[in-house]
Amino acid sequence: MRPGSTKFLLLAALLGLAVVLAAGFILFDALVIEPNWPVVNSVRIRDPTLARVLKDRRIVQVSDLHLEGEIGFRERSLIARINRLRPDCVLFTGDYVESAAASPLVARLVSRLQVRMWCYGVIGNADRAYLRGGGFAEDWKRSGLSLIGGRNLKIQLGAGEGFFWLAGVDHEGGGEIPAALEGIPASDPLIVLSARPDLAPALIEGGADLVVSGDTHGGQVGLPGWGRFLSAYGRSPYLRGFYRLGEGWLYVNRGIGS
C-alpha cells in the first residue's frame, strides 16, 4: 500500500472515531445529563401593571414534570433549587405524571417545597390521559397545590399591598377561557396559567398581562425556523421563552421532564 493511501485511511479512521465520540456524547447528554440537571432561568417581566403590585416578589414556574417511578435525583435537585429561591408562589403548568400510579409523587414533591404563599396549577394532556376522578386533586391540595383550571382567584398580598388575579386554563380547556376570565375587571393585574401556549393570544385579548405555559418541551429539538414549520401544520409556534403578544406577555417553559 502506498504511503498516501495509508495516511488517507488513518485520517478517515480518526474522523470516524471523532464522529462516534461526538454522537456518543450527544446521546449521553440527552439521555443522562440534561434530563437530570434542571436549569433555572431567571427572568424579569417589565410590565408596569404587574410591577406596581408584585414589586420584588418571586414567582417560580414549573412545567412538564412527567413523574413516574419515584422521587429521584432530578426531582430532589428541583426541590432544592426552588427552595433556595425562596419563592412567594409556585405555578405548575401541567403534565405532572406519566402514569396513574405517579399521582402521590406530585403530593410528595409539593409538600417539600418551601413557599411563602401557595402553589397553583392546571392540568396537562398527559394528566388527562392517566388521572381519573377528582381524588388526586384533593390529595394535591392537602399537600399545598390547588388546581385552578376554568376559574380564577383574587390573590391578596397583605394589608395595603394590593392584589392580583390568577386564572387557569387546562390543556383541553379552550372552552374554559370565558369561565377563567369571568368577573375580572379589565384594569386589574392578571396572570394566567395555560397548559397550552397557543391559547395565549385569546387570553391576552381577554385581559391577561402575563400568560405562563409549557407543554412544548422547548420544541424538543431546537432548529431554526421550527416555530414557523409547526405553525404551518396547525401546531403552536410558541416553543420556549418570552413572546410579546399585543398588550401582554407569554412565557413558555421548556419543562423539567423533557
C-alpha atoms as a PDB file:
ATOM      1  CA  MET A   1       0.000   0.000   0.000  1.00  0.00           C
ATOM      2  CA  ARG A   2       1.321   3.409  -0.916  1.00  0.00           C
ATOM      3  CA  PRO A   3       2.140   5.914   1.893  1.00  0.00           C
ATOM      4  CA  GLY A   4      -0.501   8.347   0.618  1.00  0.00           C
ATOM      5  CA  SER A   5      -3.188   5.674   0.883  1.00  0.00           C
ATOM      6  CA  THR A   6      -2.106   4.813   4.436  1.00  0.00           C
ATOM      7  CA  LYS A   7      -2.395   8.454   5.544  1.00  0.00           C
ATOM      8  CA  PHE A   8      -5.824   8.734   3.964  1.00  0.00           C
ATOM      9  CA  LEU A   9      -7.077   5.607   5.740  1.00  0.00           C
ATOM     10  CA  LEU A  10      -5.672   6.838   9.072  1.00  0.00           C
ATOM     11  CA  LEU A  11      -7.331  10.223   8.629  1.00  0.00           C
ATOM     12  CA  ALA A  12     -10.646   8.567   7.719  1.00  0.00           C
ATOM     13  CA  ALA A  13     -10.410   6.325  10.794  1.00  0.00           C
ATOM     14  CA  LEU A  14      -9.715   9.319  13.062  1.00  0.00           C
ATOM     15  CA  LEU A  15     -12.616  11.254  11.590  1.00  0.00           C
ATOM     16  CA  GLY A  16     -14.895   8.246  12.031  1.00  0.00           C
ATOM     17  CA  LEU A  17     -13.792   7.891  15.663  1.00  0.00           C
ATOM     18  CA  ALA A  18     -14.430  11.599  16.260  1.00  0.00           C
ATOM     19  CA  VAL A  19     -17.943  11.300  14.823  1.00  0.00           C
ATOM     20  CA  VAL A  20     -18.692   8.253  17.011  1.00  0.00           C
ATOM     21  CA  LEU A  21     -17.394  10.000  20.145  1.00  0.00           C
ATOM     22  CA  ALA A  22     -19.367  13.160  19.379  1.00  0.00           C
ATOM     23  CA  ALA A  23     -22.537  11.163  18.764  1.00  0.00           C
ATOM     24  CA  GLY A  24     -21.955   9.225  21.983  1.00  0.00           C
ATOM     25  CA  PHE A  25     -21.520  12.420  23.985  1.00  0.00           C
ATOM     26  CA  ILE A  26     -24.661  13.951  22.490  1.00  0.00           C
ATOM     27  CA  LEU A  27     -26.631  10.800  23.305  1.00  0.00           C
ATOM     28  CA  PHE A  28     -25.215  10.665  26.845  1.00  0.00           C
ATOM     29  CA  ASP A  29     -26.067  14.331  27.369  1.00  0.00           C
ATOM     30  CA  ALA A  30     -29.598  13.880  26.011  1.00  0.00           C
ATOM     31  CA  LEU A  31     -30.386  10.718  27.997  1.00  0.00           C
ATOM     32  CA  VAL A  32     -28.428  11.174  31.224  1.00  0.00           C
ATOM     33  CA  ILE A  33     -27.066  14.664  31.906  1.00  0.00           C
ATOM     34  CA  GLU A  34     -29.745  17.061  30.652  1.00  0.00           C
ATOM     35  CA  PRO A  35     -32.841  15.184  31.951  1.00  0.00           C
ATOM     36  CA  ASN A  36     -31.302  15.041  35.439  1.00  0.00           C
ATOM     37  CA  TRP A  37     -29.950  18.583  35.579  1.00  0.00           C
ATOM     38  CA  PRO A  38     -32.792  21.121  35.897  1.00  0.00           C
ATOM     39  CA  VAL A  39     -31.948  24.598  34.662  1.00  0.00           C
ATOM     40  CA  VAL A  40     -33.238  27.684  36.458  1.00  0.00           C
ATOM     41  CA  ASN A  41     -33.944  30.587  34.112  1.00  0.00           C
ATOM     42  CA  SER A  42     -34.350  33.855  35.996  1.00  0.00           C
ATOM     43  CA  VAL A  43     -36.413  36.374  34.051  1.00  0.00           C
ATOM     44  CA  ARG A  44     -37.671  39.869  34.781  1.00  0.00           C
ATOM     45  CA  ILE A  45     -41.043  40.834  33.396  1.00  0.00           C
ATOM     46  CA  ARG A  46     -41.150  44.504  32.562  1.00  0.00           C
ATOM     47  CA  ASP A  47     -44.866  45.057  32.821  1.00  0.00           C
ATOM     48  CA  PRO A  48     -45.964  48.184  34.704  1.00  0.00           C
ATOM     49  CA  THR A  49     -49.323  46.717  35.750  1.00  0.00           C
ATOM     50  CA  LEU A  50     -47.748  43.674  37.381  1.00  0.00           C
ATOM     51  CA  ALA A  51     -44.729  45.587  38.683  1.00  0.00           C
ATOM     52  CA  ARG A  52     -46.958  48.008  40.562  1.00  0.00           C
ATOM     53  CA  VAL A  53     -48.411  45.128  42.584  1.00  0.00           C
ATOM     54  CA  LEU A  54     -45.831  42.362  42.694  1.00  0.00           C
ATOM     55  CA  LYS A  55     -42.794  44.623  43.258  1.00  0.00           C
ATOM     56  CA  ASP A  56     -39.910  42.313  44.225  1.00  0.00           C
ATOM     57  CA  ARG A  57     -41.964  39.199  44.837  1.00  0.00           C
ATOM     58  CA  ARG A  58     -40.653  35.992  43.346  1.00  0.00           C
ATOM     59  CA  ILE A  59     -42.798  33.561  41.352  1.00  0.00           C
ATOM     60  CA  VAL A  60     -41.460  30.188  40.210  1.00  0.00           C
ATOM     61  CA  GLN A  61     -42.984  28.306  37.276  1.00  0.00           C
ATOM     62  CA  VAL A  62     -42.582  24.530  36.925  1.00  0.00           C
ATOM     63  CA  SER A  63     -43.811  22.563  33.930  1.00  0.00           C
ATOM     64  CA  ASP A  64     -43.889  19.067  32.420  1.00  0.00           C
ATOM     65  CA  LEU A  65     -42.544  17.035  35.335  1.00  0.00           C
ATOM     66  CA  HIS A  66     -43.741  13.712  33.824  1.00  0.00           C
ATOM     67  CA  LEU A  67     -43.205  11.928  37.129  1.00  0.00           C
ATOM     68  CA  GLU A  68     -43.044   8.142  37.314  1.00  0.00           C
ATOM     69  CA  GLY A  69     -41.429   5.527  39.495  1.00  0.00           C
ATOM     70  CA  GLU A  70     -40.118   7.550  42.416  1.00  0.00           C
ATOM     71  CA  ILE A  71     -38.778  10.909  43.543  1.00  0.00           C
ATOM     72  CA  GLY A  72     -35.251  10.682  42.143  1.00  0.00           C
ATOM     73  CA  PHE A  73     -32.136  12.814  41.795  1.00  0.00           C
ATOM     74  CA  ARG A  74     -33.739  15.133  39.247  1.00  0.00           C
ATOM     75  CA  GLU A  75     -36.745  15.860  41.466  1.00  0.00           C
ATOM     76  CA  ARG A  76     -34.651  16.292  44.632  1.00  0.00           C
ATOM     77  CA  SER A  77     -32.436  18.722  42.745  1.00  0.00           C
ATOM     78  CA  LEU A  78     -35.506  20.626  41.573  1.00  0.00           C
ATOM     79  CA  ILE A  79     -36.899  20.854  45.113  1.00  0.00           C
ATOM     80  CA  ALA A  80     -33.584  22.144  46.457  1.00  0.00           C
ATOM     81  CA  ARG A  81     -33.245  24.752  43.714  1.00  0.00           C
ATOM     82  CA  ILE A  82     -36.794  26.029  44.220  1.00  0.00           C
ATOM     83  CA  ASN A  83     -36.334  26.273  47.984  1.00  0.00           C
ATOM     84  CA  ARG A  84     -33.092  28.229  47.561  1.00  0.00           C
ATOM     85  CA  LEU A  85     -35.059  30.786  45.547  1.00  0.00           C
ATOM     86  CA  ARG A  86     -37.474  31.314  48.481  1.00  0.00           C
ATOM     87  CA  PRO A  87     -40.476  31.835  46.190  1.00  0.00           C
ATOM     88  CA  ASP A  88     -43.652  33.622  47.173  1.00  0.00           C
ATOM     89  CA  CYS A  89     -45.674  31.445  44.805  1.00  0.00           C
ATOM     90  CA  VAL A  90     -45.082  28.369  42.605  1.00  0.00           C
ATOM     91  CA  LEU A  91     -47.091  27.897  39.403  1.00  0.00           C
ATOM     92  CA  PHE A  92     -47.388  24.482  37.725  1.00  0.00           C
ATOM     93  CA  THR A  93     -48.468  24.410  34.072  1.00  0.00           C
ATOM     94  CA  GLY A  94     -49.393  20.774  33.556  1.00  0.00           C
ATOM     95  CA  ASP A  95     -48.122  17.290  32.711  1.00  0.00           C
ATOM     96  CA  TYR A  96     -47.223  16.263  36.251  1.00  0.00           C
ATOM     97  CA  VAL A  97     -47.365  12.488  35.747  1.00  0.00           C
ATOM     98  CA  GLU A  98     -46.502   9.765  33.281  1.00  0.00           C
ATOM     99  CA  SER A  99     -48.747   7.117  34.907  1.00  0.00           C
ATOM    100  CA  ALA A 100     -51.737   6.939  37.251  1.00  0.00           C
ATOM    101  CA  ALA A 101     -49.520   5.456  39.962  1.00  0.00           C
ATOM    102  CA  ALA A 102     -47.385   8.612  39.953  1.00  0.00           C
ATOM    103  CA  SER A 103     -50.116  10.845  41.399  1.00  0.00           C
ATOM    104  CA  PRO A 104     -48.847  10.500  45.015  1.00  0.00           C
ATOM    105  CA  LEU A 105     -45.402  11.613  43.839  1.00  0.00           C
ATOM    106  CA  VAL A 106     -46.833  15.031  42.974  1.00  0.00           C
ATOM    107  CA  ALA A 107     -48.134  15.451  46.519  1.00  0.00           C
ATOM    108  CA  ARG A 108     -44.786  14.340  47.956  1.00  0.00           C
ATOM    109  CA  LEU A 109     -42.849  16.774  45.772  1.00  0.00           C
ATOM    110  CA  VAL A 110     -45.123  19.736  46.503  1.00  0.00           C
ATOM    111  CA  SER A 111     -45.135  19.039  50.255  1.00  0.00           C
ATOM    112  CA  ARG A 112     -41.345  19.519  50.298  1.00  0.00           C
ATOM    113  CA  LEU A 113     -41.485  22.975  48.721  1.00  0.00           C
ATOM    114  CA  GLN A 114     -40.948  25.969  50.985  1.00  0.00           C
ATOM    115  CA  VAL A 115     -43.373  28.531  49.559  1.00  0.00           C
ATOM    116  CA  ARG A 116     -44.374  31.722  51.311  1.00  0.00           C
ATOM    117  CA  MET A 117     -47.884  31.799  49.874  1.00  0.00           C
ATOM    118  CA  TRP A 118     -49.174  28.756  47.948  1.00  0.00           C
ATOM    119  CA  CYS A 119     -48.830  26.588  44.819  1.00  0.00           C
ATOM    120  CA  TYR A 120     -51.335  26.690  41.948  1.00  0.00           C
ATOM    121  CA  GLY A 121     -51.622  24.623  38.807  1.00  0.00           C
ATOM    122  CA  VAL A 122     -53.534  23.470  35.734  1.00  0.00           C
ATOM    123  CA  ILE A 123     -53.904  20.050  34.110  1.00  0.00           C
ATOM    124  CA  GLY A 124     -51.962  18.973  31.006  1.00  0.00           C
ATOM    125  CA  ASN A 125     -52.750  16.411  28.328  1.00  0.00           C
ATOM    126  CA  ALA A 126     -50.618  13.700  29.977  1.00  0.00           C
ATOM    127  CA  ASP A 127     -52.538  14.183  33.238  1.00  0.00           C
ATOM    128  CA  ARG A 128     -55.871  13.815  31.454  1.00  0.00           C
ATOM    129  CA  ALA A 129     -54.648  10.575  29.909  1.00  0.00           C
ATOM    130  CA  TYR A 130     -53.646   8.991  33.228  1.00  0.00           C
ATOM    131  CA  LEU A 131     -55.687  10.580  36.031  1.00  0.00           C
ATOM    132  CA  ARG A 132     -59.373   9.819  36.596  1.00  0.00           C
ATOM    133  CA  GLY A 133     -61.838  11.253  39.090  1.00  0.00           C
ATOM    134  CA  GLY A 134     -61.149  14.094  41.490  1.00  0.00           C
ATOM    135  CA  GLY A 135     -59.358  12.271  44.269  1.00  0.00           C
ATOM    136  CA  PHE A 136     -55.906  13.236  43.067  1.00  0.00           C
ATOM    137  CA  ALA A 137     -56.836  16.945  43.111  1.00  0.00           C
ATOM    138  CA  GLU A 138     -57.849  16.711  46.774  1.00  0.00           C
ATOM    139  CA  ASP A 139     -54.619  14.908  47.638  1.00  0.00           C
ATOM    140  CA  TRP A 140     -52.566  17.551  45.854  1.00  0.00           C
ATOM    141  CA  LYS A 141     -54.475  20.353  47.596  1.00  0.00           C
ATOM    142  CA  ARG A 142     -53.702  18.864  51.003  1.00  0.00           C
ATOM    143  CA  SER A 143     -50.022  18.907  50.048  1.00  0.00           C
ATOM    144  CA  GLY A 144     -50.186  22.591  49.049  1.00  0.00           C
ATOM    145  CA  LEU A 145     -51.187  22.626  45.357  1.00  0.00           C
ATOM    146  CA  SER A 146     -54.560  23.965  44.222  1.00  0.00           C
ATOM    147  CA  LEU A 147     -55.757  23.253  40.671  1.00  0.00           C
ATOM    148  CA  ILE A 148     -57.474  26.288  39.136  1.00  0.00           C
ATOM    149  CA  GLY A 149     -58.413  25.182  35.617  1.00  0.00           C
ATOM    150  CA  GLY A 150     -61.536  27.029  34.440  1.00  0.00           C
ATOM    151  CA  ARG A 151     -61.632  29.511  37.315  1.00  0.00           C
ATOM    152  CA  ASN A 152     -59.830  32.449  38.856  1.00  0.00           C
ATOM    153  CA  LEU A 153     -58.695  33.639  42.260  1.00  0.00           C
ATOM    154  CA  LYS A 154     -58.069  37.081  43.685  1.00  0.00           C
ATOM    155  CA  ILE A 155     -54.696  36.829  45.423  1.00  0.00           C
ATOM    156  CA  GLN A 156     -54.355  39.300  48.279  1.00  0.00           C
ATOM    157  CA  LEU A 157     -50.765  40.275  49.014  1.00  0.00           C
ATOM    158  CA  GLY A 158     -51.213  41.583  52.530  1.00  0.00           C
ATOM    159  CA  ALA A 159     -52.649  44.618  54.259  1.00  0.00           C
ATOM    160  CA  GLY A 160     -52.305  47.626  51.982  1.00  0.00           C
ATOM    161  CA  GLU A 161     -50.135  45.740  49.474  1.00  0.00           C
ATOM    162  CA  GLY A 162     -52.737  45.226  46.790  1.00  0.00           C
ATOM    163  CA  PHE A 163     -53.727  42.105  44.872  1.00  0.00           C
ATOM    164  CA  PHE A 164     -53.577  40.353  41.526  1.00  0.00           C
ATOM    165  CA  TRP A 165     -55.815  37.863  39.777  1.00  0.00           C
ATOM    166  CA  LEU A 166     -54.666  34.352  38.969  1.00  0.00           C
ATOM    167  CA  ALA A 167     -56.616  32.308  36.414  1.00  0.00           C
ATOM    168  CA  GLY A 168     -56.124  28.847  34.938  1.00  0.00           C
ATOM    169  CA  VAL A 169     -56.922  27.003  31.701  1.00  0.00           C
ATOM    170  CA  ASP A 170     -56.346  23.246  31.387  1.00  0.00           C
ATOM    171  CA  HIS A 171     -54.903  21.580  28.278  1.00  0.00           C
ATOM    172  CA  GLU A 172     -58.204  20.875  26.551  1.00  0.00           C
ATOM    173  CA  GLY A 173     -59.616  23.997  28.088  1.00  0.00           C
ATOM    174  CA  GLY A 174     -60.194  26.348  25.185  1.00  0.00           C
ATOM    175  CA  GLY A 175     -63.819  26.355  26.290  1.00  0.00           C
ATOM    176  CA  GLU A 176     -62.723  27.252  29.825  1.00  0.00           C
ATOM    177  CA  ILE A 177     -61.465  30.694  28.829  1.00  0.00           C
ATOM    178  CA  PRO A 178     -64.756  32.587  29.483  1.00  0.00           C
ATOM    179  CA  ALA A 179     -65.132  30.980  32.924  1.00  0.00           C
ATOM    180  CA  ALA A 180     -61.455  31.521  33.739  1.00  0.00           C
ATOM    181  CA  LEU A 181     -61.685  35.244  32.971  1.00  0.00           C
ATOM    182  CA  GLU A 182     -65.194  35.857  34.304  1.00  0.00           C
ATOM    183  CA  GLY A 183     -65.593  38.757  36.708  1.00  0.00           C
ATOM    184  CA  ILE A 184     -62.054  40.147  36.379  1.00  0.00           C
ATOM    185  CA  PRO A 185     -62.020  43.925  35.759  1.00  0.00           C
ATOM    186  CA  ALA A 186     -60.029  44.870  32.668  1.00  0.00           C
ATOM    187  CA  SER A 187     -57.715  47.214  34.588  1.00  0.00           C
ATOM    188  CA  ASP A 188     -56.743  44.678  37.276  1.00  0.00           C
ATOM    189  CA  PRO A 189     -53.411  42.809  37.081  1.00  0.00           C
ATOM    190  CA  LEU A 190     -53.911  39.270  35.777  1.00  0.00           C
ATOM    191  CA  ILE A 191     -51.636  36.234  35.403  1.00  0.00           C
ATOM    192  CA  VAL A 192     -52.993  33.170  33.608  1.00  0.00           C
ATOM    193  CA  LEU A 193     -51.709  29.602  33.776  1.00  0.00           C
ATOM    194  CA  SER A 194     -52.350  27.909  30.440  1.00  0.00           C
ATOM    195  CA  ALA A 195     -51.345  24.315  29.749  1.00  0.00           C
ATOM    196  CA  ARG A 196     -51.316  25.206  26.034  1.00  0.00           C
ATOM    197  CA  PRO A 197     -49.297  28.195  24.801  1.00  0.00           C
ATOM    198  CA  ASP A 198     -51.393  28.561  21.640  1.00  0.00           C
ATOM    199  CA  LEU A 199     -54.275  29.855  23.800  1.00  0.00           C
ATOM    200  CA  ALA A 200     -52.191  32.861  24.874  1.00  0.00           C
ATOM    201  CA  PRO A 201     -53.403  35.316  22.175  1.00  0.00           C
ATOM    202  CA  ALA A 202     -57.043  34.789  23.211  1.00  0.00           C
ATOM    203  CA  LEU A 203     -56.146  35.066  26.905  1.00  0.00           C
ATOM    204  CA  ILE A 204     -54.184  38.290  26.393  1.00  0.00           C
ATOM    205  CA  GLU A 205     -57.002  39.711  24.315  1.00  0.00           C
ATOM    206  CA  GLY A 206     -59.239  38.855  27.259  1.00  0.00           C
ATOM    207  CA  GLY A 207     -57.111  40.932  29.627  1.00  0.00           C
ATOM    208  CA  ALA A 208     -54.139  38.808  30.735  1.00  0.00           C
ATOM    209  CA  ASP A 209     -50.954  40.746  31.428  1.00  0.00           C
ATOM    210  CA  LEU A 210     -48.886  37.555  31.561  1.00  0.00           C
ATOM    211  CA  VAL A 211     -49.592  34.005  30.396  1.00  0.00           C
ATOM    212  CA  VAL A 212     -47.289  31.211  31.596  1.00  0.00           C
ATOM    213  CA  SER A 213     -47.341  27.902  29.768  1.00  0.00           C
ATOM    214  CA  GLY A 214     -45.391  24.745  28.956  1.00  0.00           C
ATOM    215  CA  ASP A 215     -46.266  21.558  27.029  1.00  0.00           C
ATOM    216  CA  THR A 216     -43.885  22.091  24.089  1.00  0.00           C
ATOM    217  CA  HIS A 217     -40.689  20.787  25.761  1.00  0.00           C
ATOM    218  CA  GLY A 218     -38.960  23.659  24.027  1.00  0.00           C
ATOM    219  CA  GLY A 219     -39.740  22.081  20.676  1.00  0.00           C
ATOM    220  CA  GLN A 220     -37.725  19.035  21.883  1.00  0.00           C
ATOM    221  CA  VAL A 221     -35.166  19.792  19.165  1.00  0.00           C
ATOM    222  CA  GLY A 222     -34.363  23.473  18.635  1.00  0.00           C
ATOM    223  CA  LEU A 223     -33.968  24.043  14.900  1.00  0.00           C
ATOM    224  CA  PRO A 224     -34.060  27.473  13.209  1.00  0.00           C
ATOM    225  CA  GLY A 225     -37.486  28.168  11.726  1.00  0.00           C
ATOM    226  CA  TRP A 226     -39.067  25.273  13.663  1.00  0.00           C
ATOM    227  CA  GLY A 227     -41.782  27.517  15.074  1.00  0.00           C
ATOM    228  CA  ARG A 228     -42.881  28.603  11.611  1.00  0.00           C
ATOM    229  CA  PHE A 229     -42.885  24.967  10.479  1.00  0.00           C
ATOM    230  CA  LEU A 230     -45.131  23.903  13.369  1.00  0.00           C
ATOM    231  CA  SER A 231     -47.431  26.873  12.826  1.00  0.00           C
ATOM    232  CA  ALA A 232     -47.904  25.847   9.200  1.00  0.00           C
ATOM    233  CA  TYR A 233     -49.079  22.419  10.366  1.00  0.00           C
ATOM    234  CA  GLY A 234     -51.512  23.717  12.973  1.00  0.00           C
ATOM    235  CA  ARG A 235     -49.171  23.342  15.971  1.00  0.00           C
ATOM    236  CA  SER A 236     -48.237  26.082  18.404  1.00  0.00           C
ATOM    237  CA  PRO A 237     -45.454  28.355  17.101  1.00  0.00           C
ATOM    238  CA  TYR A 238     -44.638  29.337  20.697  1.00  0.00           C
ATOM    239  CA  LEU A 239     -41.925  26.895  21.726  1.00  0.00           C
ATOM    240  CA  ARG A 240     -39.883  28.436  24.533  1.00  0.00           C
ATOM    241  CA  GLY A 241     -39.086  31.723  26.207  1.00  0.00           C
ATOM    242  CA  PHE A 242     -40.760  35.137  26.029  1.00  0.00           C
ATOM    243  CA  TYR A 243     -43.182  36.399  23.412  1.00  0.00           C
ATOM    244  CA  ARG A 244     -44.727  39.850  23.255  1.00  0.00           C
ATOM    245  CA  LEU A 245     -48.323  39.406  22.111  1.00  0.00           C
ATOM    246  CA  GLY A 246     -50.368  42.569  21.812  1.00  0.00           C
ATOM    247  CA  GLU A 247     -50.548  44.231  25.217  1.00  0.00           C
ATOM    248  CA  GLY A 248     -49.372  41.171  27.153  1.00  0.00           C
ATOM    249  CA  TRP A 249     -46.608  38.640  27.534  1.00  0.00           C
ATOM    250  CA  LEU A 250     -46.350  34.878  27.073  1.00  0.00           C
ATOM    251  CA  TYR A 251     -43.633  32.818  28.710  1.00  0.00           C
ATOM    252  CA  VAL A 252     -43.237  29.181  27.586  1.00  0.00           C
ATOM    253  CA  ASN A 253     -41.338  26.911  29.971  1.00  0.00           C
ATOM    254  CA  ARG A 254     -39.266  24.129  28.351  1.00  0.00           C
ATOM    255  CA  GLY A 255     -40.241  21.709  31.125  1.00  0.00           C
ATOM    256  CA  ILE A 256     -38.418  19.505  33.613  1.00  0.00           C
ATOM    257  CA  GLY A 257     -39.115  16.051  32.196  1.00  0.00           C
ATOM    258  CA  SER A 258     -38.106  16.925  28.632  1.00  0.00           C
END
